[in-house]
Every structure is written in C-alpha cells, then in structure tokens.
Amino acid sequence: RTVAREKVMLRLGDEVGATGRIGPEATRRALD
C-alpha cells in the first residue's frame, strides 16, 4: 500500500542536451 509519493522537477536533461554534461549547480540541486 502506497503511503507517500513525492516528485522533484529538476530538468537535468535540458542541461545535458545544451552542454553535454551536468554542471556543478545542477549536481548540487540533484544531491539536495
């Protein structure tokens, strides 16, 4: 039985598409 669901939008794919990598700021957001 599901008791909790959460979702965090990060859009990491946008940065990878634009720069080819995940930069330091996006990495910090992902870790947070």
PDB file of all heavy atoms in Angstrom:
ATOM      1  N   ARG A   1       0.861  -1.182   0.000  1.00  0.00           N
ATOM      2  CA  ARG A   1       0.000   0.000   0.000  1.00  0.00           C
ATOM      3  C   ARG A   1       0.896   1.229   0.000  1.00  0.00           C
ATOM      4  O   ARG A   1       1.776   1.379   0.844  1.00  0.00           O
ATOM      5  CB  ARG A   1      -0.889  -0.001   1.241  1.00  0.00           C
ATOM      6  CG  ARG A   1      -1.789   1.215   1.379  1.00  0.00           C
ATOM      7  CD  ARG A   1      -2.655   1.135   2.629  1.00  0.00           C
ATOM      8  NE  ARG A   1      -1.880   1.167   3.858  1.00  0.00           N
ATOM      9  CZ  ARG A   1      -1.541   2.272   4.513  1.00  0.00           C
ATOM     10  NH1 ARG A   1      -1.901   3.461   4.049  1.00  0.00           N
ATOM     11  NH2 ARG A   1      -0.841   2.208   5.631  1.00  0.00           N
ATOM     12  N   THR A   2       0.697   2.108  -0.976  1.00  0.00           N
ATOM     13  CA  THR A   2       1.478   3.333  -1.052  1.00  0.00           C
ATOM     14  C   THR A   2       1.065   4.264   0.072  1.00  0.00           C
ATOM     15  O   THR A   2      -0.123   4.520   0.270  1.00  0.00           O
ATOM     16  CB  THR A   2       1.273   4.027  -2.412  1.00  0.00           C
ATOM     17  OG1 THR A   2       1.686   3.135  -3.445  1.00  0.00           O
ATOM     18  CG2 THR A   2       2.062   5.314  -2.509  1.00  0.00           C
ATOM     19  N   VAL A   3       2.053   4.759   0.823  1.00  0.00           N
ATOM     20  CA  VAL A   3       1.766   5.671   1.921  1.00  0.00           C
ATOM     21  C   VAL A   3       2.280   7.083   1.649  1.00  0.00           C
ATOM     22  O   VAL A   3       1.854   8.031   2.307  1.00  0.00           O
ATOM     23  CB  VAL A   3       2.313   5.142   3.274  1.00  0.00           C
ATOM     24  CG1 VAL A   3       1.604   3.855   3.667  1.00  0.00           C
ATOM     25  CG2 VAL A   3       3.812   4.944   3.226  1.00  0.00           C
ATOM     26  N   ALA A   4       3.185   7.229   0.690  1.00  0.00           N
ATOM     27  CA  ALA A   4       3.690   8.570   0.347  1.00  0.00           C
ATOM     28  C   ALA A   4       4.258   8.561  -1.064  1.00  0.00           C
ATOM     29  O   ALA A   4       4.825   7.563  -1.507  1.00  0.00           O
ATOM     30  CB  ALA A   4       4.765   9.017   1.327  1.00  0.00           C
ATOM     31  N   ARG A   5       4.083   9.686  -1.742  1.00  0.00           N
ATOM     32  CA  ARG A   5       4.663   9.918  -3.069  1.00  0.00           C
ATOM     33  C   ARG A   5       5.166  11.355  -3.100  1.00  0.00           C
ATOM     34  O   ARG A   5       4.484  12.259  -2.637  1.00  0.00           O
ATOM     35  CB  ARG A   5       3.616   9.791  -4.178  1.00  0.00           C
ATOM     36  CG  ARG A   5       3.179   8.415  -4.490  1.00  0.00           C
ATOM     37  CD  ARG A   5       2.171   8.479  -5.661  1.00  0.00           C
ATOM     38  NE  ARG A   5       1.640   7.186  -5.934  1.00  0.00           N
ATOM     39  CZ  ARG A   5       2.184   6.308  -6.770  1.00  0.00           C
ATOM     40  NH1 ARG A   5       3.268   6.631  -7.436  1.00  0.00           N
ATOM     41  NH2 ARG A   5       1.645   5.127  -6.955  1.00  0.00           N
ATOM     42  N   GLU A   6       6.339  11.535  -3.673  1.00  0.00           N
ATOM     43  CA  GLU A   6       6.897  12.878  -3.844  1.00  0.00           C
ATOM     44  C   GLU A   6       7.562  12.944  -5.210  1.00  0.00           C
ATOM     45  O   GLU A   6       8.059  11.935  -5.720  1.00  0.00           O
ATOM     46  CB  GLU A   6       7.927  13.205  -2.766  1.00  0.00           C
ATOM     47  CG  GLU A   6       7.368  13.327  -1.377  1.00  0.00           C
ATOM     48  CD  GLU A   6       6.474  14.536  -1.183  1.00  0.00           C
ATOM     49  OE1 GLU A   6       6.660  15.563  -1.880  1.00  0.00           O
ATOM     50  OE2 GLU A   6       5.590  14.465  -0.315  1.00  0.00           O
ATOM     51  N   LYS A   7       7.599  14.150  -5.764  1.00  0.00           N
ATOM     52  CA  LYS A   7       8.230  14.373  -7.062  1.00  0.00           C
ATOM     53  C   LYS A   7       8.971  15.701  -7.010  1.00  0.00           C
ATOM     54  O   LYS A   7       8.443  16.696  -6.514  1.00  0.00           O
ATOM     55  CB  LYS A   7       7.158  14.418  -8.150  1.00  0.00           C
ATOM     56  CG  LYS A   7       7.670  14.739  -9.533  1.00  0.00           C
ATOM     57  CD  LYS A   7       6.498  14.747 -10.499  1.00  0.00           C
ATOM     58  CE  LYS A   7       6.897  15.176 -11.873  1.00  0.00           C
ATOM     59  NZ  LYS A   7       5.736  15.202 -12.784  1.00  0.00           N
ATOM     60  N   VAL A   8      10.201  15.697  -7.508  1.00  0.00           N
ATOM     61  CA  VAL A   8      11.008  16.910  -7.604  1.00  0.00           C
ATOM     62  C   VAL A   8      11.393  17.083  -9.070  1.00  0.00           C
ATOM     63  O   VAL A   8      12.022  16.204  -9.651  1.00  0.00           O
ATOM     64  CB  VAL A   8      12.276  16.828  -6.732  1.00  0.00           C
ATOM     65  CG1 VAL A   8      13.116  18.079  -6.888  1.00  0.00           C
ATOM     66  CG2 VAL A   8      11.924  16.570  -5.278  1.00  0.00           C
ATOM     67  N   MET A   9      10.987  18.208  -9.656  1.00  0.00           N
ATOM     68  CA  MET A   9      11.343  18.505 -11.050  1.00  0.00           C
ATOM     69  C   MET A   9      12.739  19.130 -11.081  1.00  0.00           C
ATOM     70  O   MET A   9      12.976  20.129 -10.414  1.00  0.00           O
ATOM     71  CB  MET A   9      10.326  19.475 -11.667  1.00  0.00           C
ATOM     72  CG  MET A   9       8.966  18.880 -11.891  1.00  0.00           C
ATOM     73  SD  MET A   9       8.961  17.490 -13.041  1.00  0.00           S
ATOM     74  CE  MET A   9       9.496  18.282 -14.545  1.00  0.00           C
ATOM     75  N   LEU A  10      13.633  18.537 -11.862  1.00  0.00           N
ATOM     76  CA  LEU A  10      14.999  19.035 -11.959  1.00  0.00           C
ATOM     77  C   LEU A  10      15.390  19.451 -13.377  1.00  0.00           C
ATOM     78  O   LEU A  10      16.249  20.295 -13.550  1.00  0.00           O
ATOM     79  CB  LEU A  10      15.991  17.979 -11.457  1.00  0.00           C
ATOM     80  CG  LEU A  10      15.893  17.654  -9.977  1.00  0.00           C
ATOM     81  CD1 LEU A  10      16.710  16.424  -9.656  1.00  0.00           C
ATOM     82  CD2 LEU A  10      16.359  18.826  -9.153  1.00  0.00           C
ATOM     83  N   ARG A  11      14.829  18.807 -14.359  1.00  0.00           N
ATOM     84  CA  ARG A  11      15.109  19.104 -15.774  1.00  0.00           C
ATOM     85  C   ARG A  11      16.603  18.984 -16.094  1.00  0.00           C
ATOM     86  O   ARG A  11      17.171  19.787 -16.824  1.00  0.00           O
ATOM     87  CB  ARG A  11      14.585  20.482 -16.164  1.00  0.00           C
ATOM     88  CG  ARG A  11      13.177  20.783 -15.715  1.00  0.00           C
ATOM     89  CD  ARG A  11      12.042  20.505 -16.599  1.00  0.00           C
ATOM     90  NE  ARG A  11      12.252  20.659 -18.009  1.00  0.00           N
ATOM     91  CZ  ARG A  11      11.604  19.920 -18.891  1.00  0.00           C
ATOM     92  NH1 ARG A  11      10.755  19.015 -18.484  1.00  0.00           N
ATOM     93  NH2 ARG A  11      11.801  20.097 -20.158  1.00  0.00           N
ATOM     94  N   LEU A  12      17.254  17.963 -15.545  1.00  0.00           N
ATOM     95  CA  LEU A  12      18.669  17.747 -15.822  1.00  0.00           C
ATOM     96  C   LEU A  12      18.921  17.488 -17.301  1.00  0.00           C
ATOM     97  O   LEU A  12      19.967  17.857 -17.826  1.00  0.00           O
ATOM     98  CB  LEU A  12      19.198  16.565 -14.999  1.00  0.00           C
ATOM     99  CG  LEU A  12      19.114  16.697 -13.481  1.00  0.00           C
ATOM    100  CD1 LEU A  12      19.563  15.408 -12.822  1.00  0.00           C
ATOM    101  CD2 LEU A  12      19.906  17.877 -12.985  1.00  0.00           C
ATOM    102  N   GLY A  13      17.969  16.874 -17.962  1.00  0.00           N
ATOM    103  CA  GLY A  13      18.111  16.574 -19.382  1.00  0.00           C
ATOM    104  C   GLY A  13      18.270  17.817 -20.235  1.00  0.00           C
ATOM    105  O   GLY A  13      18.956  17.788 -21.266  1.00  0.00           O
ATOM    106  N   ASP A  14      17.656  18.925 -19.823  1.00  0.00           N
ATOM    107  CA  ASP A  14      17.798  20.174 -20.568  1.00  0.00           C
ATOM    108  C   ASP A  14      19.254  20.624 -20.599  1.00  0.00           C
ATOM    109  O   ASP A  14      19.778  21.026 -21.645  1.00  0.00           O
ATOM    110  CB  ASP A  14      16.942  21.283 -19.957  1.00  0.00           C
ATOM    111  CG  ASP A  14      15.458  21.078 -20.180  1.00  0.00           C
ATOM    112  OD1 ASP A  14      15.077  20.208 -20.992  1.00  0.00           O
ATOM    113  OD2 ASP A  14      14.672  21.793 -19.529  1.00  0.00           O
ATOM    114  N   GLU A  15      19.904  20.554 -19.453  1.00  0.00           N
ATOM    115  CA  GLU A  15      21.306  20.977 -19.380  1.00  0.00           C
ATOM    116  C   GLU A  15      22.214  20.028 -20.159  1.00  0.00           C
ATOM    117  O   GLU A  15      23.124  20.471 -20.864  1.00  0.00           O
ATOM    118  CB  GLU A  15      21.766  21.065 -17.927  1.00  0.00           C
ATOM    119  CG  GLU A  15      23.175  21.581 -17.795  1.00  0.00           C
ATOM    120  CD  GLU A  15      23.564  21.937 -16.372  1.00  0.00           C
ATOM    121  OE1 GLU A  15      22.690  22.010 -15.493  1.00  0.00           O
ATOM    122  OE2 GLU A  15      24.764  22.146 -16.159  1.00  0.00           O
ATOM    123  N   VAL A  16      21.955  18.747 -20.033  1.00  0.00           N
ATOM    124  CA  VAL A  16      22.765  17.777 -20.775  1.00  0.00           C
ATOM    125  C   VAL A  16      22.595  17.986 -22.273  1.00  0.00           C
ATOM    126  O   VAL A  16      23.571  17.950 -23.033  1.00  0.00           O
ATOM    127  CB  VAL A  16      22.413  16.326 -20.375  1.00  0.00           C
ATOM    128  CG1 VAL A  16      23.108  15.327 -21.281  1.00  0.00           C
ATOM    129  CG2 VAL A  16      22.786  16.074 -18.918  1.00  0.00           C
ATOM    130  N   GLY A  17      21.375  18.257 -22.694  1.00  0.00           N
ATOM    131  CA  GLY A  17      21.125  18.499 -24.112  1.00  0.00           C
ATOM    132  C   GLY A  17      21.835  19.740 -24.620  1.00  0.00           C
ATOM    133  O   GLY A  17      22.325  19.777 -25.753  1.00  0.00           O
ATOM    134  N   ALA A  18      21.915  20.760 -23.770  1.00  0.00           N
ATOM    135  CA  ALA A  18      22.532  22.025 -24.176  1.00  0.00           C
ATOM    136  C   ALA A  18      24.052  22.011 -24.069  1.00  0.00           C
ATOM    137  O   ALA A  18      24.740  22.600 -24.902  1.00  0.00           O
ATOM    138  CB  ALA A  18      21.969  23.175 -23.333  1.00  0.00           C
ATOM    139  N   THR A  19      24.589  21.347 -23.038  1.00  0.00           N
ATOM    140  CA  THR A  19      26.024  21.427 -22.785  1.00  0.00           C
ATOM    141  C   THR A  19      26.748  20.089 -22.902  1.00  0.00           C
ATOM    142  O   THR A  19      27.971  20.050 -22.902  1.00  0.00           O
ATOM    143  CB  THR A  19      26.304  21.982 -21.375  1.00  0.00           C
ATOM    144  OG1 THR A  19      25.845  21.022 -20.405  1.00  0.00           O
ATOM    145  CG2 THR A  19      25.639  23.326 -21.153  1.00  0.00           C
ATOM    146  N   GLY A  20      25.982  19.000 -22.909  1.00  0.00           N
ATOM    147  CA  GLY A  20      26.601  17.678 -22.959  1.00  0.00           C
ATOM    148  C   GLY A  20      27.023  17.141 -21.608  1.00  0.00           C
ATOM    149  O   GLY A  20      27.629  16.082 -21.525  1.00  0.00           O
ATOM    150  N   ARG A  21      26.689  17.871 -20.539  1.00  0.00           N
ATOM    151  CA  ARG A  21      27.073  17.419 -19.206  1.00  0.00           C
ATOM    152  C   ARG A  21      26.142  18.010 -18.149  1.00  0.00           C
ATOM    153  O   ARG A  21      25.395  18.938 -18.427  1.00  0.00           O
ATOM    154  CB  ARG A  21      28.512  17.797 -18.895  1.00  0.00           C
ATOM    155  CG  ARG A  21      28.786  19.290 -18.970  1.00  0.00           C
ATOM    156  CD  ARG A  21      30.270  19.612 -18.885  1.00  0.00           C
ATOM    157  NE  ARG A  21      30.799  19.541 -17.550  1.00  0.00           N
ATOM    158  CZ  ARG A  21      30.844  20.566 -16.710  1.00  0.00           C
ATOM    159  NH1 ARG A  21      30.379  21.739 -17.067  1.00  0.00           N
ATOM    160  NH2 ARG A  21      31.345  20.422 -15.518  1.00  0.00           N
ATOM    161  N   ILE A  22      26.259  17.483 -16.953  1.00  0.00           N
ATOM    162  CA  ILE A  22      25.546  18.031 -15.805  1.00  0.00           C
ATOM    163  C   ILE A  22      26.546  18.878 -15.032  1.00  0.00           C
ATOM    164  O   ILE A  22      27.547  18.366 -14.532  1.00  0.00           O
ATOM    165  CB  ILE A  22      24.965  16.914 -14.905  1.00  0.00           C
ATOM    166  CG1 ILE A  22      23.962  16.078 -15.689  1.00  0.00           C
ATOM    167  CG2 ILE A  22      24.324  17.508 -13.668  1.00  0.00           C
ATOM    168  CD1 ILE A  22      23.451  14.870 -14.939  1.00  0.00           C
ATOM    169  N   GLY A  23      26.285  20.157 -14.951  1.00  0.00           N
ATOM    170  CA  GLY A  23      27.206  21.088 -14.306  1.00  0.00           C
ATOM    171  C   GLY A  23      27.105  21.073 -12.795  1.00  0.00           C
ATOM    172  O   GLY A  23      26.252  20.395 -12.211  1.00  0.00           O
ATOM    173  N   PRO A  24      27.967  21.838 -12.140  1.00  0.00           N
ATOM    174  CA  PRO A  24      28.016  21.857 -10.673  1.00  0.00           C
ATOM    175  C   PRO A  24      26.710  22.293 -10.009  1.00  0.00           C
ATOM    176  O   PRO A  24      26.306  21.719  -8.998  1.00  0.00           O
ATOM    177  CB  PRO A  24      29.138  22.859 -10.348  1.00  0.00           C
ATOM    178  CG  PRO A  24      29.950  22.950 -11.588  1.00  0.00           C
ATOM    179  CD  PRO A  24      29.025  22.658 -12.727  1.00  0.00           C
ATOM    180  N   GLU A  25      26.049  23.303 -10.542  1.00  0.00           N
ATOM    181  CA  GLU A  25      24.791  23.781  -9.945  1.00  0.00           C
ATOM    182  C   GLU A  25      23.700  22.722 -10.056  1.00  0.00           C
ATOM    183  O   GLU A  25      22.964  22.458  -9.096  1.00  0.00           O
ATOM    184  CB  GLU A  25      24.352  25.084 -10.593  1.00  0.00           C
ATOM    185  CG  GLU A  25      23.012  25.596 -10.092  1.00  0.00           C
ATOM    186  CD  GLU A  25      22.950  25.867  -8.596  1.00  0.00           C
ATOM    187  OE1 GLU A  25      23.989  26.125  -7.971  1.00  0.00           O
ATOM    188  OE2 GLU A  25      21.835  25.818  -8.044  1.00  0.00           O
ATOM    189  N   ALA A  26      23.586  22.098 -11.209  1.00  0.00           N
ATOM    190  CA  ALA A  26      22.589  21.040 -11.390  1.00  0.00           C
ATOM    191  C   ALA A  26      22.917  19.835 -10.516  1.00  0.00           C
ATOM    192  O   ALA A  26      22.013  19.198  -9.962  1.00  0.00           O
ATOM    193  CB  ALA A  26      22.512  20.637 -12.857  1.00  0.00           C
ATOM    194  N   THR A  27      24.193  19.540 -10.365  1.00  0.00           N
ATOM    195  CA  THR A  27      24.604  18.433  -9.488  1.00  0.00           C
ATOM    196  C   THR A  27      24.198  18.735  -8.051  1.00  0.00           C
ATOM    197  O   THR A  27      23.677  17.865  -7.351  1.00  0.00           O
ATOM    198  CB  THR A  27      26.127  18.212  -9.580  1.00  0.00           C
ATOM    199  OG1 THR A  27      26.462  17.859 -10.924  1.00  0.00           O
ATOM    200  CG2 THR A  27      26.589  17.113  -8.642  1.00  0.00           C
ATOM    201  N   ARG A  28      24.409  19.978  -7.603  1.00  0.00           N
ATOM    202  CA  ARG A  28      24.009  20.370  -6.248  1.00  0.00           C
ATOM    203  C   ARG A  28      22.508  20.222  -6.060  1.00  0.00           C
ATOM    204  O   ARG A  28      22.037  19.705  -5.049  1.00  0.00           O
ATOM    205  CB  ARG A  28      24.440  21.804  -5.939  1.00  0.00           C
ATOM    206  CG  ARG A  28      24.145  22.201  -4.478  1.00  0.00           C
ATOM    207  CD  ARG A  28      24.142  23.707  -4.271  1.00  0.00           C
ATOM    208  NE  ARG A  28      23.205  24.412  -5.121  1.00  0.00           N
ATOM    209  CZ  ARG A  28      21.878  24.454  -4.955  1.00  0.00           C
ATOM    210  NH1 ARG A  28      21.308  23.783  -3.978  1.00  0.00           N
ATOM    211  NH2 ARG A  28      21.103  25.143  -5.772  1.00  0.00           N
ATOM    212  N   ARG A  29      21.717  20.668  -7.056  1.00  0.00           N
ATOM    213  CA  ARG A  29      20.256  20.538  -6.968  1.00  0.00           C
ATOM    214  C   ARG A  29      19.847  19.068  -6.889  1.00  0.00           C
ATOM    215  O   ARG A  29      18.942  18.710  -6.129  1.00  0.00           O
ATOM    216  CB  ARG A  29      19.587  21.203  -8.178  1.00  0.00           C
ATOM    217  CG  ARG A  29      19.625  22.702  -8.156  1.00  0.00           C
ATOM    218  CD  ARG A  29      18.711  23.366  -9.192  1.00  0.00           C
ATOM    219  NE  ARG A  29      18.424  22.586 -10.378  1.00  0.00           N
ATOM    220  CZ  ARG A  29      19.094  22.665 -11.537  1.00  0.00           C
ATOM    221  NH1 ARG A  29      20.106  23.494 -11.663  1.00  0.00           N
ATOM    222  NH2 ARG A  29      18.729  21.933 -12.567  1.00  0.00           N
ATOM    223  N   ALA A  30      20.506  18.226  -7.678  1.00  0.00           N
ATOM    224  CA  ALA A  30      20.182  16.795  -7.668  1.00  0.00           C
ATOM    225  C   ALA A  30      20.507  16.181  -6.314  1.00  0.00           C
ATOM    226  O   ALA A  30      19.702  15.402  -5.764  1.00  0.00           O
ATOM    227  CB  ALA A  30      20.930  16.080  -8.790  1.00  0.00           C
ATOM    228  N   LEU A  31      21.664  16.501  -5.757  1.00  0.00           N
ATOM    229  CA  LEU A  31      22.036  15.967  -4.443  1.00  0.00           C
ATOM    230  C   LEU A  31      21.107  16.473  -3.351  1.00  0.00           C
ATOM    231  O   LEU A  31      20.725  15.715  -2.451  1.00  0.00           O
ATOM    232  CB  LEU A  31      23.485  16.316  -4.126  1.00  0.00           C
ATOM    233  CG  LEU A  31      24.527  15.611  -4.994  1.00  0.00           C
ATOM    234  CD1 LEU A  31      25.919  16.167  -4.707  1.00  0.00           C
ATOM    235  CD2 LEU A  31      24.480  14.115  -4.790  1.00  0.00           C
ATOM    236  N   ASP A  32      20.731  17.740  -3.424  1.00  0.00           N
ATOM    237  CA  ASP A  32      19.770  18.291  -2.461  1.00  0.00           C
ATOM    238  C   ASP A  32      18.426  17.565  -2.558  1.00  0.00           C
ATOM    239  O   ASP A  32      17.791  17.275  -1.537  1.00  0.00           O
ATOM    240  CB  ASP A  32      19.556  19.783  -2.691  1.00  0.00           C
ATOM    241  CG  ASP A  32      20.739  20.633  -2.257  1.00  0.00           C
ATOM    242  OD1 ASP A  32      21.655  20.120  -1.566  1.00  0.00           O
ATOM    243  OD2 ASP A  32      20.753  21.827  -2.626  1.00  0.00           O
TER     244      ASP A  32
END
